[in-house]
């Protein structure tokens, strides 16, 4: 079995910041209520001149540079998104063109907010099979273009952004230890893109109940499958949807607050981008080091869910002393 992990990571967020105070001006809401119910203080919105493919491209460039490999060494591009520029061509096709890469396969994958995990799992299976060696996975969404800004229950939740990872072989002891992905089609009616309005529609109560149960359950499942105890998990990186849902997963894992990544306050719910954005944030702040055990977990429309347990890093010489 090959050891498959993250060779490089890159992210992109738009410059425009939309604060809770800004929403107070257009909706019957308050900063206090938004923070209490969701944990969100602000989020980023892309302008009309910035498309989903633009954000994906910038994150992809950063990930390739961080990986240390050449873009010409990529064998496959997977873009996880619910908000492509067009129905077709795919965002992945557009990223391939802008990167100037040859005729490698490129495809979009739609699992809503679980998309990045689905993409990484798909990439790892191609690599394990020996079909491809290096796969670019991008999680990106421009949710501002499908948000109803008159709907108080959903308008304050979402933001725009992109995160990308180059997936490939890593040294023994590193990489993905276990994963779980799943879906429950019967729950699709609780969170969907309405065809008539083109906007996100959500039954918040039902989605909350599903997410609280599934995020915790999946986190425990992949930890157990990896042969680890919860005390051996150094960082939980949940999909940044709602602080109450995130804390429920953390508590199910019996982890202290400092072992859970929280960026929902600064980015809001960025769908497929939220996990790589959080991963990059913790890396930049020195909270994740080579050799750390990490759980990534998410849920999304579909309803979908997924989790990955991995040991961070790619080279033995980079491992820090955890004794």
C-alpha atoms as a PDB file:
ATOM      1  CA  UNK A   1       0.000   0.000   0.000  1.00  0.00           C
ATOM      2  CA  UNK A   2       1.237   3.457  -0.927  1.00  0.00           C
ATOM      3  CA  UNK A   3       1.351   6.202   1.692  1.00  0.00           C
ATOM      4  CA  UNK A   4      -0.745   9.047   0.268  1.00  0.00           C
ATOM      5  CA  UNK A   5      -0.874  12.522   1.746  1.00  0.00           C
ATOM      6  CA  UNK A   6      -0.734  16.257   1.123  1.00  0.00           C
ATOM      7  CA  UNK A   7       2.359  17.472  -0.742  1.00  0.00           C
ATOM      8  CA  UNK A   8       1.353  21.129  -0.798  1.00  0.00           C
ATOM      9  CA  UNK A   9      -1.458  23.459   0.199  1.00  0.00           C
ATOM     10  CA  UNK A  10      -2.675  26.837  -1.074  1.00  0.00           C
ATOM     11  CA  UNK A  11      -5.655  29.127  -0.452  1.00  0.00           C
ATOM     12  CA  UNK A  12      -7.364  32.240  -1.730  1.00  0.00           C
ATOM     13  CA  UNK A  13      -9.998  34.546  -0.224  1.00  0.00           C
ATOM     14  CA  UNK A  14     -11.438  37.733  -1.773  1.00  0.00           C
ATOM     15  CA  UNK A  15     -10.518  41.147  -0.367  1.00  0.00           C
ATOM     16  CA  UNK A  16     -14.066  42.347   0.336  1.00  0.00           C
ATOM     17  CA  UNK A  17     -15.083  41.824   3.975  1.00  0.00           C
ATOM     18  CA  UNK A  18     -18.776  41.711   4.906  1.00  0.00           C
ATOM     19  CA  UNK A  19     -19.213  42.113   8.673  1.00  0.00           C
ATOM     20  CA  UNK A  20     -22.221  41.388  10.851  1.00  0.00           C
ATOM     21  CA  UNK A  21     -22.602  45.149  11.254  1.00  0.00           C
ATOM     22  CA  UNK A  22     -23.014  45.390   7.479  1.00  0.00           C
ATOM     23  CA  UNK A  23     -25.868  42.881   7.656  1.00  0.00           C
ATOM     24  CA  UNK A  24     -27.526  44.891  10.427  1.00  0.00           C
ATOM     25  CA  UNK A  25     -28.035  47.625   7.826  1.00  0.00           C
ATOM     26  CA  UNK A  26     -29.959  45.412   5.396  1.00  0.00           C
ATOM     27  CA  UNK A  27     -31.632  42.755   7.567  1.00  0.00           C
ATOM     28  CA  UNK A  28     -33.559  42.534  10.814  1.00  0.00           C
ATOM     29  CA  UNK A  29     -30.641  40.929  12.650  1.00  0.00           C
ATOM     30  CA  UNK A  30     -27.820  41.812  15.019  1.00  0.00           C
ATOM     31  CA  UNK A  31     -24.138  41.113  15.456  1.00  0.00           C
ATOM     32  CA  UNK A  32     -24.847  39.556  18.850  1.00  0.00           C
ATOM     33  CA  UNK A  33     -27.472  37.166  17.466  1.00  0.00           C
ATOM     34  CA  UNK A  34     -25.307  36.069  14.538  1.00  0.00           C
ATOM     35  CA  UNK A  35     -22.289  35.427  16.756  1.00  0.00           C
ATOM     36  CA  UNK A  36     -24.328  33.550  19.344  1.00  0.00           C
ATOM     37  CA  UNK A  37     -26.112  31.322  16.829  1.00  0.00           C
ATOM     38  CA  UNK A  38     -23.285  30.710  14.336  1.00  0.00           C
ATOM     39  CA  UNK A  39     -19.957  32.004  15.653  1.00  0.00           C
ATOM     40  CA  UNK A  40     -19.551  34.166  12.536  1.00  0.00           C
ATOM     41  CA  UNK A  41     -18.230  37.735  12.796  1.00  0.00           C
ATOM     42  CA  UNK A  42     -17.395  38.390   9.136  1.00  0.00           C
ATOM     43  CA  UNK A  43     -17.046  36.692   5.768  1.00  0.00           C
ATOM     44  CA  UNK A  44     -15.468  37.431   2.361  1.00  0.00           C
ATOM     45  CA  UNK A  45     -17.386  38.127  -0.826  1.00  0.00           C
ATOM     46  CA  UNK A  46     -15.966  37.987  -4.330  1.00  0.00           C
ATOM     47  CA  UNK A  47     -16.837  40.853  -6.657  1.00  0.00           C
ATOM     48  CA  UNK A  48     -18.737  40.483  -9.903  1.00  0.00           C
ATOM     49  CA  UNK A  49     -15.411  40.382 -11.731  1.00  0.00           C
ATOM     50  CA  UNK A  50     -14.146  37.367  -9.740  1.00  0.00           C
ATOM     51  CA  UNK A  51     -15.507  33.979 -10.755  1.00  0.00           C
ATOM     52  CA  UNK A  52     -15.256  30.615  -9.038  1.00  0.00           C
ATOM     53  CA  UNK A  53     -12.571  29.567 -11.532  1.00  0.00           C
ATOM     54  CA  UNK A  54     -10.491  32.656 -10.671  1.00  0.00           C
ATOM     55  CA  UNK A  55     -10.415  31.751  -6.983  1.00  0.00           C
ATOM     56  CA  UNK A  56      -9.692  28.111  -7.810  1.00  0.00           C
ATOM     57  CA  UNK A  57      -6.785  29.085 -10.057  1.00  0.00           C
ATOM     58  CA  UNK A  58      -5.122  31.291  -7.443  1.00  0.00           C
ATOM     59  CA  UNK A  59      -5.402  28.588  -4.765  1.00  0.00           C
ATOM     60  CA  UNK A  60      -4.116  25.966  -7.207  1.00  0.00           C
ATOM     61  CA  UNK A  61      -1.064  28.040  -8.123  1.00  0.00           C
ATOM     62  CA  UNK A  62      -0.219  28.490  -4.448  1.00  0.00           C
ATOM     63  CA  UNK A  63      -0.634  24.766  -3.712  1.00  0.00           C
ATOM     64  CA  UNK A  64       1.598  23.726  -6.600  1.00  0.00           C
ATOM     65  CA  UNK A  65       4.307  26.157  -5.522  1.00  0.00           C
ATOM     66  CA  UNK A  66       4.059  24.931  -1.929  1.00  0.00           C
ATOM     67  CA  UNK A  67       4.289  21.285  -3.016  1.00  0.00           C
ATOM     68  CA  UNK A  68       7.675  21.707  -4.661  1.00  0.00           C
ATOM     69  CA  UNK A  69       6.630  19.803  -7.767  1.00  0.00           C
ATOM     70  CA  UNK A  70       6.219  21.175 -11.265  1.00  0.00           C
ATOM     71  CA  UNK A  71       2.715  21.774 -12.587  1.00  0.00           C
ATOM     72  CA  UNK A  72       3.718  19.509 -15.469  1.00  0.00           C
ATOM     73  CA  UNK A  73       4.003  16.643 -12.977  1.00  0.00           C
ATOM     74  CA  UNK A  74       0.261  16.764 -12.275  1.00  0.00           C
ATOM     75  CA  UNK A  75      -1.751  13.851 -13.669  1.00  0.00           C
ATOM     76  CA  UNK A  76      -5.304  14.839 -12.739  1.00  0.00           C
ATOM     77  CA  UNK A  77      -7.296  17.869 -11.561  1.00  0.00           C
ATOM     78  CA  UNK A  78     -10.375  17.530  -9.353  1.00  0.00           C
ATOM     79  CA  UNK A  79     -12.373  20.619  -8.409  1.00  0.00           C
ATOM     80  CA  UNK A  80     -15.027  20.315  -5.711  1.00  0.00           C
ATOM     81  CA  UNK A  81     -17.627  23.047  -6.188  1.00  0.00           C
ATOM     82  CA  UNK A  82     -21.352  23.726  -6.203  1.00  0.00           C
ATOM     83  CA  UNK A  83     -21.008  27.085  -7.942  1.00  0.00           C
ATOM     84  CA  UNK A  84     -19.200  26.577 -11.227  1.00  0.00           C
ATOM     85  CA  UNK A  85     -18.890  29.458 -13.673  1.00  0.00           C
ATOM     86  CA  UNK A  86     -21.032  27.433 -16.111  1.00  0.00           C
ATOM     87  CA  UNK A  87     -22.750  24.060 -16.209  1.00  0.00           C
ATOM     88  CA  UNK A  88     -19.896  23.217 -18.570  1.00  0.00           C
ATOM     89  CA  UNK A  89     -17.024  23.544 -19.213  1.00  0.00           C
ATOM     90  CA  UNK A  90     -16.086  22.528 -15.700  1.00  0.00           C
ATOM     91  CA  UNK A  91     -14.077  24.713 -13.358  1.00  0.00           C
ATOM     92  CA  UNK A  92     -11.416  21.997 -13.494  1.00  0.00           C
ATOM     93  CA  UNK A  93     -11.165  22.411 -17.290  1.00  0.00           C
ATOM     94  CA  UNK A  94     -10.763  26.161 -16.851  1.00  0.00           C
ATOM     95  CA  UNK A  95      -8.081  25.745 -14.181  1.00  0.00           C
ATOM     96  CA  UNK A  96      -6.212  23.303 -16.413  1.00  0.00           C
ATOM     97  CA  UNK A  97      -6.188  25.843 -19.243  1.00  0.00           C
ATOM     98  CA  UNK A  98      -5.013  28.721 -17.033  1.00  0.00           C
ATOM     99  CA  UNK A  99      -2.256  26.618 -15.520  1.00  0.00           C
ATOM    100  CA  UNK A 100      -1.065  25.818 -19.025  1.00  0.00           C
ATOM    101  CA  UNK A 101      -0.972  22.071 -18.395  1.00  0.00           C
ATOM    102  CA  UNK A 102      -1.260  19.487 -21.161  1.00  0.00           C
ATOM    103  CA  UNK A 103      -4.244  17.261 -21.826  1.00  0.00           C
ATOM    104  CA  UNK A 104      -4.564  15.676 -18.400  1.00  0.00           C
ATOM    105  CA  UNK A 105      -8.030  14.633 -17.193  1.00  0.00           C
ATOM    106  CA  UNK A 106      -9.886  17.342 -15.285  1.00  0.00           C
ATOM    107  CA  UNK A 107     -13.274  17.070 -13.628  1.00  0.00           C
ATOM    108  CA  UNK A 108     -15.610  18.769 -11.177  1.00  0.00           C
ATOM    109  CA  UNK A 109     -17.000  16.824  -8.239  1.00  0.00           C
ATOM    110  CA  UNK A 110     -20.181  17.922  -6.477  1.00  0.00           C
ATOM    111  CA  UNK A 111     -20.717  16.905  -2.865  1.00  0.00           C
ATOM    112  CA  UNK A 112     -21.512  20.435  -1.604  1.00  0.00           C
ATOM    113  CA  UNK A 113     -19.669  21.291   1.604  1.00  0.00           C
ATOM    114  CA  UNK A 114     -18.174  17.777   1.811  1.00  0.00           C
ATOM    115  CA  UNK A 115     -16.636  18.260  -1.624  1.00  0.00           C
ATOM    116  CA  UNK A 116     -13.002  18.730  -0.577  1.00  0.00           C
ATOM    117  CA  UNK A 117     -13.031  15.491   1.421  1.00  0.00           C
ATOM    118  CA  UNK A 118     -14.663  13.634  -1.466  1.00  0.00           C
ATOM    119  CA  UNK A 119     -12.011  15.061  -3.782  1.00  0.00           C
ATOM    120  CA  UNK A 120      -9.074  14.054  -1.574  1.00  0.00           C
ATOM    121  CA  UNK A 121     -10.478  10.542  -1.134  1.00  0.00           C
ATOM    122  CA  UNK A 122     -10.986  10.202  -4.894  1.00  0.00           C
ATOM    123  CA  UNK A 123      -7.446  11.425  -5.549  1.00  0.00           C
ATOM    124  CA  UNK A 124      -5.979   9.001  -3.013  1.00  0.00           C
ATOM    125  CA  UNK A 125      -7.748   6.058  -4.659  1.00  0.00           C
ATOM    126  CA  UNK A 126      -6.305   6.905  -8.080  1.00  0.00           C
ATOM    127  CA  UNK A 127      -2.842   7.122  -6.526  1.00  0.00           C
ATOM    128  CA  UNK A 128      -3.256   3.901  -4.548  1.00  0.00           C
ATOM    129  CA  UNK A 129      -4.300   2.148  -7.757  1.00  0.00           C
ATOM    130  CA  UNK A 130      -1.155   3.368  -9.505  1.00  0.00           C
ATOM    131  CA  UNK A 131      -3.197   5.185 -12.156  1.00  0.00           C
ATOM    132  CA  UNK A 132      -1.862   8.640 -11.276  1.00  0.00           C
ATOM    133  CA  UNK A 133       0.989   9.986  -9.154  1.00  0.00           C
ATOM    134  CA  UNK A 134       0.140  13.625  -8.385  1.00  0.00           C
ATOM    135  CA  UNK A 135      -3.421  14.959  -8.199  1.00  0.00           C
ATOM    136  CA  UNK A 136      -4.526  18.560  -7.699  1.00  0.00           C
ATOM    137  CA  UNK A 137      -7.669  18.856  -5.566  1.00  0.00           C
ATOM    138  CA  UNK A 138      -9.420  22.224  -5.221  1.00  0.00           C
ATOM    139  CA  UNK A 139     -12.342  23.072  -2.959  1.00  0.00           C
ATOM    140  CA  UNK A 140     -13.936  26.338  -4.077  1.00  0.00           C
ATOM    141  CA  UNK A 141     -17.278  28.097  -3.881  1.00  0.00           C
ATOM    142  CA  UNK A 142     -18.713  31.497  -4.621  1.00  0.00           C
ATOM    143  CA  UNK A 143     -21.781  31.131  -2.432  1.00  0.00           C
ATOM    144  CA  UNK A 144     -22.549  34.843  -2.582  1.00  0.00           C
ATOM    145  CA  UNK A 145     -23.975  34.334  -6.062  1.00  0.00           C
ATOM    146  CA  UNK A 146     -26.590  31.807  -4.851  1.00  0.00           C
ATOM    147  CA  UNK A 147     -27.429  33.439  -1.507  1.00  0.00           C
ATOM    148  CA  UNK A 148     -30.777  35.134  -0.938  1.00  0.00           C
ATOM    149  CA  UNK A 149     -29.801  38.328   0.884  1.00  0.00           C
ATOM    150  CA  UNK A 150     -33.387  38.906   1.980  1.00  0.00           C
ATOM    151  CA  UNK A 151     -33.505  35.606   3.884  1.00  0.00           C
ATOM    152  CA  UNK A 152     -32.261  36.266   7.412  1.00  0.00           C
ATOM    153  CA  UNK A 153     -31.867  32.566   8.203  1.00  0.00           C
ATOM    154  CA  UNK A 154     -29.301  31.915   5.450  1.00  0.00           C
ATOM    155  CA  UNK A 155     -27.929  35.262   4.245  1.00  0.00           C
ATOM    156  CA  UNK A 156     -25.506  35.705   7.141  1.00  0.00           C
ATOM    157  CA  UNK A 157     -24.004  32.216   6.907  1.00  0.00           C
ATOM    158  CA  UNK A 158     -22.031  32.060   3.707  1.00  0.00           C
ATOM    159  CA  UNK A 159     -18.769  33.355   2.281  1.00  0.00           C
ATOM    160  CA  UNK A 160     -16.524  32.867  -0.744  1.00  0.00           C
ATOM    161  CA  UNK A 161     -13.093  31.294  -0.975  1.00  0.00           C
ATOM    162  CA  UNK A 162     -10.864  28.516  -2.294  1.00  0.00           C
ATOM    163  CA  UNK A 163      -8.397  25.986  -0.957  1.00  0.00           C
ATOM    164  CA  UNK A 164      -6.252  23.555  -2.925  1.00  0.00           C
ATOM    165  CA  UNK A 165      -3.999  20.604  -2.172  1.00  0.00           C
ATOM    166  CA  UNK A 166      -1.564  18.561  -4.225  1.00  0.00           C
ATOM    167  CA  UNK A 167      -2.058  14.922  -3.250  1.00  0.00           C
ATOM    168  CA  UNK A 168       0.706  12.378  -3.794  1.00  0.00           C
ATOM    169  CA  UNK A 169       2.949   9.767  -2.212  1.00  0.00           C
ATOM    170  CA  UNK A 170       4.558  10.577   1.137  1.00  0.00           C
ATOM    171  CA  UNK A 171       7.044   8.804   3.383  1.00  0.00           C
ATOM    172  CA  UNK A 172       6.051   5.852   5.524  1.00  0.00           C
ATOM    173  CA  UNK A 173       4.215   6.950   8.664  1.00  0.00           C
ATOM    174  CA  UNK A 174       2.617   9.955   6.997  1.00  0.00           C
ATOM    175  CA  UNK A 175      -0.564  10.517   5.039  1.00  0.00           C
ATOM    176  CA  UNK A 176      -4.116   9.196   5.117  1.00  0.00           C
ATOM    177  CA  UNK A 177      -4.747   6.515   7.718  1.00  0.00           C
ATOM    178  CA  UNK A 178      -8.490   6.101   7.224  1.00  0.00           C
ATOM    179  CA  UNK A 179     -11.498   7.736   5.636  1.00  0.00           C
ATOM    180  CA  UNK A 180     -15.279   7.607   5.519  1.00  0.00           C
ATOM    181  CA  UNK A 181     -17.647   9.103   2.967  1.00  0.00           C
ATOM    182  CA  UNK A 182     -21.395   8.734   2.689  1.00  0.00           C
ATOM    183  CA  UNK A 183     -24.656  10.256   1.584  1.00  0.00           C
ATOM    184  CA  UNK A 184     -28.332  10.225   2.465  1.00  0.00           C
ATOM    185  CA  UNK A 185     -30.369  11.195  -0.560  1.00  0.00           C
ATOM    186  CA  UNK A 186     -33.587  11.314   1.435  1.00  0.00           C
ATOM    187  CA  UNK A 187     -32.198  14.382   3.202  1.00  0.00           C
ATOM    188  CA  UNK A 188     -31.583  16.326   0.016  1.00  0.00           C
ATOM    189  CA  UNK A 189     -34.822  18.253   0.526  1.00  0.00           C
ATOM    190  CA  UNK A 190     -33.375  19.898   3.639  1.00  0.00           C
ATOM    191  CA  UNK A 191     -30.557  21.737   1.858  1.00  0.00           C
ATOM    192  CA  UNK A 192     -30.594  22.489  -1.843  1.00  0.00           C
ATOM    193  CA  UNK A 193     -30.169  25.027  -4.636  1.00  0.00           C
ATOM    194  CA  UNK A 194     -33.699  26.052  -5.590  1.00  0.00           C
ATOM    195  CA  UNK A 195     -34.194  25.856  -9.333  1.00  0.00           C
ATOM    196  CA  UNK A 196     -36.705  28.718  -9.577  1.00  0.00           C
ATOM    197  CA  UNK A 197     -34.854  31.296  -7.500  1.00  0.00           C
ATOM    198  CA  UNK A 198     -31.336  29.968  -8.006  1.00  0.00           C
ATOM    199  CA  UNK A 199     -30.731  30.458  -4.275  1.00  0.00           C
ATOM    200  CA  UNK A 200     -29.838  28.208  -1.352  1.00  0.00           C
ATOM    201  CA  UNK A 201     -32.812  26.839   0.566  1.00  0.00           C
ATOM    202  CA  UNK A 202     -32.311  25.195   3.945  1.00  0.00           C
ATOM    203  CA  UNK A 203     -34.348  23.588   6.695  1.00  0.00           C
ATOM    204  CA  UNK A 204     -32.008  24.710   9.448  1.00  0.00           C
ATOM    205  CA  UNK A 205     -33.482  22.517  12.183  1.00  0.00           C
ATOM    206  CA  UNK A 206     -33.169  19.286  10.194  1.00  0.00           C
ATOM    207  CA  UNK A 207     -29.694  20.092   8.885  1.00  0.00           C
ATOM    208  CA  UNK A 208     -28.530  20.952  12.400  1.00  0.00           C
ATOM    209  CA  UNK A 209     -29.788  17.639  13.820  1.00  0.00           C
ATOM    210  CA  UNK A 210     -28.141  15.663  11.026  1.00  0.00           C
ATOM    211  CA  UNK A 211     -24.837  17.531  11.240  1.00  0.00           C
ATOM    212  CA  UNK A 212     -24.484  17.311  15.017  1.00  0.00           C
ATOM    213  CA  UNK A 213     -24.874  13.537  14.907  1.00  0.00           C
ATOM    214  CA  UNK A 214     -22.924  12.805  11.736  1.00  0.00           C
ATOM    215  CA  UNK A 215     -19.897  15.049  12.305  1.00  0.00           C
ATOM    216  CA  UNK A 216     -19.200  13.492  15.700  1.00  0.00           C
ATOM    217  CA  UNK A 217     -19.911   9.944  14.559  1.00  0.00           C
ATOM    218  CA  UNK A 218     -17.678  10.175  11.487  1.00  0.00           C
ATOM    219  CA  UNK A 219     -14.830  11.745  13.479  1.00  0.00           C
ATOM    220  CA  UNK A 220     -14.907   8.877  15.957  1.00  0.00           C
ATOM    221  CA  UNK A 221     -15.179   6.283  13.177  1.00  0.00           C
ATOM    222  CA  UNK A 222     -12.075   7.377  11.274  1.00  0.00           C
ATOM    223  CA  UNK A 223     -10.074   7.794  14.481  1.00  0.00           C
ATOM    224  CA  UNK A 224     -10.927   4.254  15.536  1.00  0.00           C
ATOM    225  CA  UNK A 225     -10.260   2.873  12.056  1.00  0.00           C
ATOM    226  CA  UNK A 226      -6.831   4.501  12.098  1.00  0.00           C
ATOM    227  CA  UNK A 227      -6.063   2.656  15.327  1.00  0.00           C
ATOM    228  CA  UNK A 228      -5.799   5.866  17.334  1.00  0.00           C
ATOM    229  CA  UNK A 229      -7.278   7.109  20.586  1.00  0.00           C
ATOM    230  CA  UNK A 230      -8.898  10.529  20.727  1.00  0.00           C
ATOM    231  CA  UNK A 231      -6.031  11.641  22.986  1.00  0.00           C
ATOM    232  CA  UNK A 232      -3.686  11.039  20.045  1.00  0.00           C
ATOM    233  CA  UNK A 233      -5.537  13.498  17.784  1.00  0.00           C
ATOM    234  CA  UNK A 234      -3.647  16.796  17.653  1.00  0.00           C
ATOM    235  CA  UNK A 235      -6.183  18.801  15.660  1.00  0.00           C
ATOM    236  CA  UNK A 236      -9.806  18.440  14.565  1.00  0.00           C
ATOM    237  CA  UNK A 237     -10.612  20.439  11.443  1.00  0.00           C
ATOM    238  CA  UNK A 238     -14.384  20.429  10.955  1.00  0.00           C
ATOM    239  CA  UNK A 239     -16.334  21.997   8.137  1.00  0.00           C
ATOM    240  CA  UNK A 240     -16.853  25.573   9.298  1.00  0.00           C
ATOM    241  CA  UNK A 241     -20.634  25.732   9.168  1.00  0.00           C
ATOM    242  CA  UNK A 242     -21.720  26.656  12.660  1.00  0.00           C
ATOM    243  CA  UNK A 243     -19.785  26.856  15.926  1.00  0.00           C
ATOM    244  CA  UNK A 244     -22.435  24.843  17.791  1.00  0.00           C
ATOM    245  CA  UNK A 245     -22.223  21.970  15.299  1.00  0.00           C
ATOM    246  CA  UNK A 246     -18.427  22.110  15.384  1.00  0.00           C
ATOM    247  CA  UNK A 247     -18.324  22.040  19.174  1.00  0.00           C
ATOM    248  CA  UNK A 248     -20.667  19.050  19.233  1.00  0.00           C
ATOM    249  CA  UNK A 249     -18.165  17.093  17.104  1.00  0.00           C
ATOM    250  CA  UNK A 250     -15.294  18.216  19.320  1.00  0.00           C
ATOM    251  CA  UNK A 251     -17.122  17.156  22.468  1.00  0.00           C
ATOM    252  CA  UNK A 252     -17.949  13.768  20.935  1.00  0.00           C
ATOM    253  CA  UNK A 253     -14.195  13.360  20.416  1.00  0.00           C
ATOM    254  CA  UNK A 254     -13.474  14.529  23.990  1.00  0.00           C
ATOM    255  CA  UNK A 255     -11.052  17.147  22.675  1.00  0.00           C
ATOM    256  CA  UNK A 256     -10.253  20.472  24.361  1.00  0.00           C
ATOM    257  CA  UNK A 257     -11.117  23.709  22.548  1.00  0.00           C
ATOM    258  CA  UNK A 258      -7.503  24.365  21.565  1.00  0.00           C
ATOM    259  CA  UNK A 259      -7.498  21.159  19.501  1.00  0.00           C
ATOM    260  CA  UNK A 260     -10.322  22.293  17.188  1.00  0.00           C
ATOM    261  CA  UNK A 261      -9.748  24.654  14.295  1.00  0.00           C
ATOM    262  CA  UNK A 262     -12.169  27.570  14.224  1.00  0.00           C
ATOM    263  CA  UNK A 263     -12.146  29.986  11.295  1.00  0.00           C
ATOM    264  CA  UNK A 264     -15.908  30.332  10.897  1.00  0.00           C
ATOM    265  CA  UNK A 265     -15.637  33.679  12.682  1.00  0.00           C
ATOM    266  CA  UNK A 266     -13.500  35.179   9.896  1.00  0.00           C
ATOM    267  CA  UNK A 267     -14.675  33.335   6.763  1.00  0.00           C
ATOM    268  CA  UNK A 268     -18.200  32.101   7.473  1.00  0.00           C
ATOM    269  CA  UNK A 269     -19.331  28.927   5.722  1.00  0.00           C
ATOM    270  CA  UNK A 270     -17.298  28.686   2.508  1.00  0.00           C
ATOM    271  CA  UNK A 271     -18.629  25.236   1.594  1.00  0.00           C
ATOM    272  CA  UNK A 272     -16.004  23.094  -0.184  1.00  0.00           C
ATOM    273  CA  UNK A 273     -13.283  25.629   0.666  1.00  0.00           C
ATOM    274  CA  UNK A 274     -13.778  25.667   4.429  1.00  0.00           C
ATOM    275  CA  UNK A 275     -11.607  22.697   5.419  1.00  0.00           C
ATOM    276  CA  UNK A 276      -8.515  23.649   3.371  1.00  0.00           C
ATOM    277  CA  UNK A 277      -8.876  27.277   4.501  1.00  0.00           C
ATOM    278  CA  UNK A 278      -8.879  26.133   8.126  1.00  0.00           C
ATOM    279  CA  UNK A 279      -5.990  23.760   7.530  1.00  0.00           C
ATOM    280  CA  UNK A 280      -3.916  26.570   6.032  1.00  0.00           C
ATOM    281  CA  UNK A 281      -4.807  28.901   8.908  1.00  0.00           C
ATOM    282  CA  UNK A 282      -3.618  26.433  11.541  1.00  0.00           C
ATOM    283  CA  UNK A 283      -0.424  25.717   9.616  1.00  0.00           C
ATOM    284  CA  UNK A 284       0.336  29.417   9.282  1.00  0.00           C
ATOM    285  CA  UNK A 285      -0.146  29.863  13.026  1.00  0.00           C
ATOM    286  CA  UNK A 286       2.074  26.927  13.962  1.00  0.00           C
ATOM    287  CA  UNK A 287      -0.776  24.844  15.376  1.00  0.00           C
ATOM    288  CA  UNK A 288      -0.084  21.915  13.028  1.00  0.00           C
ATOM    289  CA  UNK A 289       3.363  20.375  12.611  1.00  0.00           C
ATOM    290  CA  UNK A 290       4.766  17.433  10.729  1.00  0.00           C
ATOM    291  CA  UNK A 291       3.861  14.231  12.534  1.00  0.00           C
ATOM    292  CA  UNK A 292       0.593  15.552  13.967  1.00  0.00           C
ATOM    293  CA  UNK A 293      -2.526  13.397  13.712  1.00  0.00           C
ATOM    294  CA  UNK A 294      -5.430  15.325  12.191  1.00  0.00           C
ATOM    295  CA  UNK A 295      -9.102  14.596  11.592  1.00  0.00           C
ATOM    296  CA  UNK A 296     -10.886  16.418   8.762  1.00  0.00           C
ATOM    297  CA  UNK A 297     -14.669  16.103   8.869  1.00  0.00           C
ATOM    298  CA  UNK A 298     -17.536  17.674   6.974  1.00  0.00           C
ATOM    299  CA  UNK A 299     -21.170  17.477   5.925  1.00  0.00           C
ATOM    300  CA  UNK A 300     -23.120  19.108   3.142  1.00  0.00           C
ATOM    301  CA  UNK A 301     -26.141  19.198   0.888  1.00  0.00           C
ATOM    302  CA  UNK A 302     -27.138  15.878  -0.553  1.00  0.00           C
ATOM    303  CA  UNK A 303     -27.055  15.142   2.314  1.00  0.00           C
ATOM    304  CA  UNK A 304     -23.396  14.135   2.255  1.00  0.00           C
ATOM    305  CA  UNK A 305     -20.680  13.588   4.822  1.00  0.00           C
ATOM    306  CA  UNK A 306     -17.066  12.549   5.014  1.00  0.00           C
ATOM    307  CA  UNK A 307     -14.044  12.350   7.287  1.00  0.00           C
ATOM    308  CA  UNK A 308     -10.335  11.656   6.929  1.00  0.00           C
ATOM    309  CA  UNK A 309      -7.768  10.793   9.579  1.00  0.00           C
ATOM    310  CA  UNK A 310      -4.203  11.529   8.492  1.00  0.00           C
ATOM    311  CA  UNK A 311      -0.741  12.116   9.845  1.00  0.00           C
ATOM    312  CA  UNK A 312       0.454  15.487   8.598  1.00  0.00           C
ATOM    313  CA  UNK A 313       3.725  15.793   6.693  1.00  0.00           C
ATOM    314  CA  UNK A 314       5.541  14.150   3.820  1.00  0.00           C
ATOM    315  CA  UNK A 315       9.207  13.698   4.824  1.00  0.00           C
ATOM    316  CA  UNK A 316      10.680  11.940   7.851  1.00  0.00           C
ATOM    317  CA  UNK A 317      13.316  14.616   8.332  1.00  0.00           C
ATOM    318  CA  UNK A 318      10.597  17.222   8.909  1.00  0.00           C
ATOM    319  CA  UNK A 319       8.965  15.412  11.812  1.00  0.00           C
ATOM    320  CA  UNK A 320       9.024  17.297  15.070  1.00  0.00           C
ATOM    321  CA  UNK A 321       9.756  15.593  18.371  1.00  0.00           C
ATOM    322  CA  UNK A 322       6.383  15.002  20.048  1.00  0.00           C
ATOM    323  CA  UNK A 323       7.836  13.362  23.151  1.00  0.00           C
END
